[in-house]
Amino acid sequence: MTLAIQRTVDLDACLAIRFTVFVKEQSVPIEEERDHYDESAIHILATENTTPVGTARIVLVGDAGKIGRVAVLASHRGTGLGAKLIATCLAELRSLPDVKIAKLGSQTHALGFYEKLGFVAEGPEFDDAGIPHRMMSLTL
């Protein structure tokens, strides 16, 4: 098995994973899953033997990088791939001198996952596509 996680311009591969995880599995309306940030975001793609298995994106806003659309195919959950995707996102953000903080909107069931990676929950719970979330941040 050869696992690679890196920045990509293969938006179609990222969108296919997101469609499977968010639209098919979590019933997020497709019109809410894709947005205008996809065109300017930094996209991260995880592949196993060249097959796409996970993705995330980073949207830059001022001195913050917002990590989002983190998705791992069911076949690769529980393998540590999600943590590796986040580590790759954080490395990308740390390479940008103007970015000082990483933010993300976590589904509430995943708060513990992100807390183990150093993120701190802040603010009230909110609804995003019918799924409860909380904002989280990590100083870089």
N, C-alpha and C. Protein backbone atom coordinates (compact mmCIF):
# COMPACT_ATOMS: atom_id res chain seq x y z
N MET A 1 0.84 -1.19 0.00
CA MET A 1 0.00 0.00 0.00
C MET A 1 0.88 1.24 0.00
N THR A 2 0.61 2.14 -0.93
CA THR A 2 1.32 3.40 -0.99
C THR A 2 0.31 4.52 -0.78
N LEU A 3 0.43 5.20 0.37
CA LEU A 3 -0.46 6.30 0.70
C LEU A 3 0.27 7.61 0.44
N ALA A 4 -0.39 8.51 -0.28
CA ALA A 4 0.16 9.84 -0.55
C ALA A 4 -0.90 10.87 -0.20
N ILE A 5 -0.49 11.94 0.47
CA ILE A 5 -1.40 13.04 0.79
C ILE A 5 -0.70 14.32 0.37
N GLN A 6 -1.32 15.04 -0.55
CA GLN A 6 -0.67 16.25 -1.05
C GLN A 6 -1.67 17.22 -1.66
N ARG A 7 -1.17 18.41 -1.86
CA ARG A 7 -1.95 19.44 -2.54
C ARG A 7 -2.24 18.96 -3.95
N THR A 8 -3.43 19.27 -4.45
CA THR A 8 -3.82 18.79 -5.77
C THR A 8 -4.60 19.85 -6.54
N VAL A 9 -4.61 19.70 -7.85
CA VAL A 9 -5.50 20.51 -8.71
C VAL A 9 -6.60 19.61 -9.27
N ASP A 10 -6.63 18.36 -8.85
CA ASP A 10 -7.64 17.40 -9.33
C ASP A 10 -8.93 17.58 -8.53
N LEU A 11 -9.63 18.66 -8.82
CA LEU A 11 -10.87 18.99 -8.10
C LEU A 11 -11.92 17.90 -8.32
N ASP A 12 -11.96 17.30 -9.48
CA ASP A 12 -12.96 16.25 -9.74
C ASP A 12 -12.81 15.08 -8.77
N ALA A 13 -11.59 14.66 -8.48
CA ALA A 13 -11.37 13.56 -7.54
C ALA A 13 -11.83 13.96 -6.14
N CYS A 14 -11.53 15.19 -5.74
CA CYS A 14 -11.97 15.68 -4.42
C CYS A 14 -13.49 15.73 -4.34
N LEU A 15 -14.12 16.25 -5.38
CA LEU A 15 -15.58 16.36 -5.40
C LEU A 15 -16.25 14.99 -5.39
N ALA A 16 -15.65 14.01 -6.03
CA ALA A 16 -16.23 12.66 -6.04
C ALA A 16 -16.25 12.07 -4.63
N ILE A 17 -15.17 12.25 -3.89
CA ILE A 17 -15.13 11.77 -2.50
C ILE A 17 -16.15 12.52 -1.66
N ARG A 18 -16.18 13.84 -1.79
CA ARG A 18 -17.14 14.64 -1.03
C ARG A 18 -18.58 14.25 -1.35
N PHE A 19 -18.88 13.97 -2.62
CA PHE A 19 -20.22 13.55 -3.01
C PHE A 19 -20.59 12.25 -2.29
N THR A 20 -19.68 11.30 -2.30
CA THR A 20 -19.94 10.01 -1.64
C THR A 20 -20.20 10.19 -0.15
N VAL A 21 -19.32 10.94 0.53
CA VAL A 21 -19.42 11.09 1.99
C VAL A 21 -20.56 12.00 2.39
N PHE A 22 -20.61 13.20 1.82
CA PHE A 22 -21.57 14.18 2.30
C PHE A 22 -22.97 14.01 1.69
N VAL A 23 -23.05 13.85 0.39
CA VAL A 23 -24.36 13.77 -0.27
C VAL A 23 -24.99 12.39 -0.09
N LYS A 24 -24.26 11.34 -0.45
CA LYS A 24 -24.83 9.99 -0.37
C LYS A 24 -24.98 9.50 1.07
N GLU A 25 -23.91 9.63 1.89
CA GLU A 25 -23.94 9.06 3.24
C GLU A 25 -24.64 9.96 4.26
N GLN A 26 -24.41 11.27 4.16
CA GLN A 26 -24.92 12.18 5.19
C GLN A 26 -26.13 12.99 4.73
N SER A 27 -26.57 12.77 3.52
CA SER A 27 -27.77 13.43 2.96
C SER A 27 -27.67 14.96 2.91
N VAL A 28 -26.46 15.47 2.71
CA VAL A 28 -26.30 16.91 2.52
C VAL A 28 -26.80 17.23 1.10
N PRO A 29 -27.65 18.24 0.95
CA PRO A 29 -28.10 18.60 -0.40
C PRO A 29 -26.90 18.97 -1.27
N ILE A 30 -26.88 18.44 -2.49
CA ILE A 30 -25.73 18.67 -3.36
C ILE A 30 -25.48 20.16 -3.59
N GLU A 31 -26.54 20.95 -3.64
CA GLU A 31 -26.36 22.39 -3.87
C GLU A 31 -25.71 23.08 -2.68
N GLU A 32 -25.72 22.45 -1.51
CA GLU A 32 -25.04 23.01 -0.34
C GLU A 32 -23.62 22.47 -0.21
N GLU A 33 -23.36 21.31 -0.77
CA GLU A 33 -22.03 20.71 -0.63
C GLU A 33 -20.99 21.46 -1.46
N ARG A 34 -21.31 21.80 -2.66
CA ARG A 34 -20.39 22.53 -3.54
C ARG A 34 -20.68 24.01 -3.42
N ASP A 35 -19.61 24.85 -3.36
CA ASP A 35 -19.81 26.29 -3.29
C ASP A 35 -18.72 27.03 -4.05
N HIS A 36 -18.83 28.35 -4.04
CA HIS A 36 -17.90 29.18 -4.82
C HIS A 36 -16.47 29.13 -4.29
N TYR A 37 -16.26 28.69 -3.05
CA TYR A 37 -14.90 28.60 -2.50
C TYR A 37 -14.08 27.51 -3.19
N ASP A 38 -14.73 26.53 -3.80
CA ASP A 38 -13.99 25.45 -4.45
C ASP A 38 -13.03 25.95 -5.52
N GLU A 39 -13.37 27.04 -6.16
CA GLU A 39 -12.52 27.56 -7.25
C GLU A 39 -11.22 28.17 -6.75
N SER A 40 -11.22 28.73 -5.54
CA SER A 40 -10.02 29.41 -5.03
C SER A 40 -9.36 28.68 -3.87
N ALA A 41 -9.96 27.62 -3.37
CA ALA A 41 -9.42 26.90 -2.21
C ALA A 41 -8.17 26.11 -2.58
N ILE A 42 -7.40 25.80 -1.53
CA ILE A 42 -6.30 24.84 -1.64
C ILE A 42 -6.93 23.47 -1.38
N HIS A 43 -6.76 22.54 -2.29
CA HIS A 43 -7.34 21.21 -2.14
C HIS A 43 -6.26 20.20 -1.81
N ILE A 44 -6.57 19.33 -0.86
CA ILE A 44 -5.67 18.26 -0.44
C ILE A 44 -6.33 16.94 -0.81
N LEU A 45 -5.55 16.03 -1.38
CA LEU A 45 -6.08 14.74 -1.80
C LEU A 45 -5.20 13.62 -1.26
N ALA A 46 -5.85 12.64 -0.66
CA ALA A 46 -5.16 11.43 -0.20
C ALA A 46 -5.45 10.33 -1.20
N THR A 47 -4.40 9.66 -1.63
CA THR A 47 -4.55 8.53 -2.54
C THR A 47 -3.84 7.31 -1.98
N GLU A 48 -4.42 6.15 -2.27
CA GLU A 48 -3.78 4.89 -1.94
C GLU A 48 -3.57 4.16 -3.25
N ASN A 49 -2.31 3.93 -3.58
CA ASN A 49 -1.99 3.32 -4.88
C ASN A 49 -2.68 4.06 -6.02
N THR A 50 -2.65 5.36 -5.98
CA THR A 50 -3.23 6.30 -6.96
C THR A 50 -4.76 6.39 -6.93
N THR A 51 -5.44 5.63 -6.07
CA THR A 51 -6.89 5.72 -5.95
C THR A 51 -7.26 6.75 -4.89
N PRO A 52 -8.07 7.77 -5.22
CA PRO A 52 -8.47 8.77 -4.25
C PRO A 52 -9.28 8.16 -3.10
N VAL A 53 -8.89 8.48 -1.84
CA VAL A 53 -9.57 7.91 -0.68
C VAL A 53 -9.95 8.95 0.38
N GLY A 54 -9.43 10.17 0.26
CA GLY A 54 -9.76 11.20 1.24
C GLY A 54 -9.42 12.58 0.70
N THR A 55 -10.04 13.59 1.27
CA THR A 55 -9.81 14.95 0.80
C THR A 55 -10.10 15.97 1.91
N ALA A 56 -9.61 17.16 1.71
CA ALA A 56 -9.91 18.32 2.55
C ALA A 56 -9.62 19.55 1.70
N ARG A 57 -10.13 20.69 2.15
CA ARG A 57 -9.80 21.92 1.46
C ARG A 57 -9.49 23.00 2.48
N ILE A 58 -8.76 24.02 2.02
CA ILE A 58 -8.40 25.15 2.86
C ILE A 58 -8.83 26.42 2.15
N VAL A 59 -9.58 27.26 2.85
CA VAL A 59 -9.99 28.56 2.34
C VAL A 59 -9.25 29.61 3.17
N LEU A 60 -8.53 30.50 2.50
CA LEU A 60 -7.77 31.54 3.19
C LEU A 60 -8.61 32.80 3.33
N VAL A 61 -8.69 33.29 4.57
CA VAL A 61 -9.45 34.52 4.87
C VAL A 61 -8.61 35.33 5.85
N GLY A 62 -7.97 36.39 5.36
CA GLY A 62 -7.12 37.21 6.21
C GLY A 62 -5.96 36.38 6.76
N ASP A 63 -5.81 36.41 8.11
CA ASP A 63 -4.71 35.66 8.73
C ASP A 63 -5.14 34.25 9.15
N ALA A 64 -6.29 33.81 8.66
CA ALA A 64 -6.81 32.49 9.03
C ALA A 64 -6.92 31.58 7.81
N GLY A 65 -6.71 30.31 8.06
CA GLY A 65 -6.97 29.28 7.06
C GLY A 65 -8.08 28.41 7.59
N LYS A 66 -9.20 28.34 6.86
CA LYS A 66 -10.33 27.55 7.31
C LYS A 66 -10.29 26.20 6.60
N ILE A 67 -10.09 25.16 7.40
CA ILE A 67 -10.06 23.79 6.89
C ILE A 67 -11.51 23.31 6.81
N GLY A 68 -11.86 22.69 5.72
CA GLY A 68 -13.23 22.21 5.58
C GLY A 68 -13.33 21.08 4.58
N ARG A 69 -14.55 20.59 4.43
CA ARG A 69 -14.86 19.50 3.50
C ARG A 69 -13.91 18.32 3.69
N VAL A 70 -13.61 18.03 4.96
CA VAL A 70 -12.75 16.89 5.29
C VAL A 70 -13.58 15.63 5.13
N ALA A 71 -13.16 14.75 4.24
CA ALA A 71 -13.94 13.55 3.94
C ALA A 71 -13.00 12.38 3.67
N VAL A 72 -13.32 11.25 4.31
CA VAL A 72 -12.57 10.01 4.12
C VAL A 72 -13.57 8.93 3.73
N LEU A 73 -13.26 8.19 2.68
CA LEU A 73 -14.16 7.11 2.27
C LEU A 73 -14.28 6.07 3.38
N ALA A 74 -15.45 5.44 3.47
CA ALA A 74 -15.73 4.47 4.53
C ALA A 74 -14.66 3.39 4.63
N SER A 75 -14.12 2.98 3.50
CA SER A 75 -13.10 1.92 3.48
C SER A 75 -11.82 2.31 4.19
N HIS A 76 -11.62 3.61 4.43
CA HIS A 76 -10.37 4.08 5.03
C HIS A 76 -10.56 4.79 6.37
N ARG A 77 -11.78 4.75 6.89
CA ARG A 77 -12.02 5.35 8.21
C ARG A 77 -11.44 4.45 9.28
N GLY A 78 -10.98 5.08 10.35
CA GLY A 78 -10.40 4.33 11.46
C GLY A 78 -8.95 3.93 11.22
N THR A 79 -8.35 4.45 10.16
CA THR A 79 -6.96 4.11 9.83
C THR A 79 -5.97 5.20 10.20
N GLY A 80 -6.48 6.34 10.70
CA GLY A 80 -5.61 7.48 10.98
C GLY A 80 -5.51 8.44 9.81
N LEU A 81 -6.21 8.14 8.71
CA LEU A 81 -6.13 8.99 7.52
C LEU A 81 -6.68 10.39 7.80
N GLY A 82 -7.76 10.49 8.55
CA GLY A 82 -8.32 11.81 8.85
C GLY A 82 -7.30 12.70 9.55
N ALA A 83 -6.61 12.16 10.53
CA ALA A 83 -5.59 12.92 11.27
C ALA A 83 -4.44 13.32 10.34
N LYS A 84 -4.08 12.44 9.41
CA LYS A 84 -3.01 12.75 8.46
C LYS A 84 -3.45 13.85 7.49
N LEU A 85 -4.72 13.84 7.10
CA LEU A 85 -5.23 14.92 6.25
C LEU A 85 -5.14 16.26 6.97
N ILE A 86 -5.54 16.28 8.25
CA ILE A 86 -5.48 17.53 9.02
C ILE A 86 -4.03 17.96 9.20
N ALA A 87 -3.13 17.03 9.49
CA ALA A 87 -1.71 17.37 9.64
C ALA A 87 -1.17 17.98 8.35
N THR A 88 -1.59 17.46 7.21
CA THR A 88 -1.15 18.01 5.93
C THR A 88 -1.70 19.42 5.73
N CYS A 89 -2.95 19.63 6.10
CA CYS A 89 -3.55 20.97 6.01
C CYS A 89 -2.79 21.95 6.90
N LEU A 90 -2.48 21.53 8.13
CA LEU A 90 -1.75 22.41 9.05
C LEU A 90 -0.35 22.72 8.52
N ALA A 91 0.31 21.75 7.93
CA ALA A 91 1.63 22.00 7.34
C ALA A 91 1.52 23.01 6.19
N GLU A 92 0.49 22.88 5.37
CA GLU A 92 0.27 23.86 4.29
C GLU A 92 0.09 25.25 4.87
N LEU A 93 -0.74 25.36 5.92
CA LEU A 93 -1.01 26.66 6.52
C LEU A 93 0.26 27.25 7.16
N ARG A 94 1.04 26.41 7.82
CA ARG A 94 2.27 26.89 8.46
C ARG A 94 3.30 27.36 7.43
N SER A 95 3.18 26.90 6.20
CA SER A 95 4.11 27.33 5.15
C SER A 95 3.75 28.71 4.59
N LEU A 96 2.61 29.24 4.98
CA LEU A 96 2.15 30.55 4.51
C LEU A 96 2.41 31.58 5.60
N PRO A 97 3.35 32.50 5.39
CA PRO A 97 3.78 33.40 6.46
C PRO A 97 2.69 34.31 7.04
N ASP A 98 1.66 34.61 6.29
CA ASP A 98 0.62 35.52 6.78
C ASP A 98 -0.48 34.81 7.55
N VAL A 99 -0.49 33.48 7.56
CA VAL A 99 -1.54 32.73 8.23
C VAL A 99 -1.11 32.42 9.66
N LYS A 100 -1.95 32.82 10.62
CA LYS A 100 -1.61 32.68 12.04
C LYS A 100 -2.51 31.70 12.78
N ILE A 101 -3.65 31.37 12.20
CA ILE A 101 -4.62 30.54 12.90
C ILE A 101 -5.33 29.60 11.92
N ALA A 102 -5.60 28.40 12.39
CA ALA A 102 -6.40 27.45 11.62
C ALA A 102 -7.78 27.38 12.25
N LYS A 103 -8.81 27.38 11.43
CA LYS A 103 -10.19 27.28 11.92
C LYS A 103 -10.89 26.16 11.17
N LEU A 104 -11.95 25.66 11.78
CA LEU A 104 -12.79 24.69 11.09
C LEU A 104 -14.14 24.61 11.79
N GLY A 105 -15.13 24.18 11.05
CA GLY A 105 -16.45 23.93 11.61
C GLY A 105 -16.59 22.42 11.76
N SER A 106 -16.54 21.93 12.98
CA SER A 106 -16.59 20.49 13.23
C SER A 106 -18.02 20.01 13.45
N GLN A 107 -18.36 18.89 12.82
CA GLN A 107 -19.60 18.23 13.21
C GLN A 107 -19.43 17.87 14.69
N THR A 108 -20.48 18.05 15.47
CA THR A 108 -20.34 17.89 16.92
C THR A 108 -19.85 16.50 17.32
N HIS A 109 -20.20 15.47 16.57
CA HIS A 109 -19.73 14.13 16.92
C HIS A 109 -18.22 13.98 16.73
N ALA A 110 -17.58 14.91 15.99
CA ALA A 110 -16.14 14.83 15.72
C ALA A 110 -15.31 15.79 16.57
N LEU A 111 -15.94 16.47 17.54
CA LEU A 111 -15.21 17.43 18.36
C LEU A 111 -13.99 16.79 19.03
N GLY A 112 -14.16 15.62 19.61
CA GLY A 112 -13.06 14.94 20.29
C GLY A 112 -11.90 14.64 19.36
N PHE A 113 -12.19 14.26 18.14
CA PHE A 113 -11.16 13.99 17.14
C PHE A 113 -10.28 15.22 16.94
N TYR A 114 -10.92 16.38 16.73
CA TYR A 114 -10.17 17.61 16.49
C TYR A 114 -9.48 18.12 17.76
N GLU A 115 -10.10 17.92 18.92
CA GLU A 115 -9.46 18.32 20.17
C GLU A 115 -8.15 17.55 20.36
N LYS A 116 -8.11 16.27 20.02
CA LYS A 116 -6.88 15.48 20.12
C LYS A 116 -5.78 16.04 19.21
N LEU A 117 -6.18 16.75 18.17
CA LEU A 117 -5.21 17.33 17.23
C LEU A 117 -4.84 18.76 17.62
N GLY A 118 -5.36 19.24 18.76
CA GLY A 118 -4.99 20.56 19.26
C GLY A 118 -5.99 21.67 19.05
N PHE A 119 -7.11 21.39 18.40
CA PHE A 119 -8.13 22.41 18.18
C PHE A 119 -8.95 22.62 19.45
N VAL A 120 -9.45 23.85 19.61
CA VAL A 120 -10.27 24.21 20.76
C VAL A 120 -11.63 24.67 20.24
N ALA A 121 -12.70 24.12 20.82
CA ALA A 121 -14.06 24.50 20.42
C ALA A 121 -14.35 25.90 20.94
N GLU A 122 -15.13 26.66 20.16
CA GLU A 122 -15.50 28.01 20.57
C GLU A 122 -16.88 28.34 20.02
N GLY A 123 -17.58 29.18 20.73
CA GLY A 123 -18.88 29.61 20.27
C GLY A 123 -19.95 28.55 20.40
N PRO A 124 -21.17 28.94 20.08
CA PRO A 124 -22.31 28.03 20.22
C PRO A 124 -22.40 27.02 19.08
N GLU A 125 -23.19 26.01 19.29
CA GLU A 125 -23.48 25.03 18.25
C GLU A 125 -24.31 25.71 17.17
N PHE A 126 -24.09 25.31 15.91
CA PHE A 126 -24.87 25.85 14.80
C PHE A 126 -25.19 24.73 13.82
N ASP A 127 -26.18 24.97 13.00
CA ASP A 127 -26.62 24.00 12.01
C ASP A 127 -25.94 24.30 10.67
N ASP A 128 -25.38 23.28 10.06
CA ASP A 128 -24.84 23.40 8.71
C ASP A 128 -25.35 22.19 7.92
N ALA A 129 -26.20 22.44 6.95
CA ALA A 129 -26.79 21.40 6.10
C ALA A 129 -27.53 20.34 6.94
N GLY A 130 -28.16 20.79 8.02
CA GLY A 130 -28.94 19.89 8.86
C GLY A 130 -28.12 19.09 9.85
N ILE A 131 -26.82 19.40 9.97
CA ILE A 131 -25.93 18.68 10.87
C ILE A 131 -25.38 19.66 11.90
N PRO A 132 -25.46 19.33 13.22
CA PRO A 132 -24.93 20.24 14.23
C PRO A 132 -23.40 20.34 14.18
N HIS A 133 -22.90 21.57 14.28
CA HIS A 133 -21.48 21.88 14.20
C HIS A 133 -21.09 22.85 15.32
N ARG A 134 -19.78 22.95 15.56
CA ARG A 134 -19.20 24.02 16.38
C ARG A 134 -17.93 24.47 15.71
N MET A 135 -17.63 25.75 15.83
CA MET A 135 -16.36 26.27 15.32
C MET A 135 -15.25 25.85 16.25
N MET A 136 -14.08 25.64 15.66
CA MET A 136 -12.88 25.27 16.43
C MET A 136 -11.70 26.05 15.83
N SER A 137 -10.67 26.26 16.66
CA SER A 137 -9.50 26.97 16.17
C SER A 137 -8.23 26.40 16.80
N LEU A 138 -7.12 26.68 16.13
CA LEU A 138 -5.80 26.26 16.60
C LEU A 138 -4.82 27.35 16.16
N THR A 139 -4.08 27.90 17.11
CA THR A 139 -3.06 28.91 16.78
C THR A 139 -1.87 28.19 16.19
N LEU A 140 -1.40 28.71 15.06
CA LEU A 140 -0.29 28.06 14.34
C LEU A 140 1.06 28.50 14.88
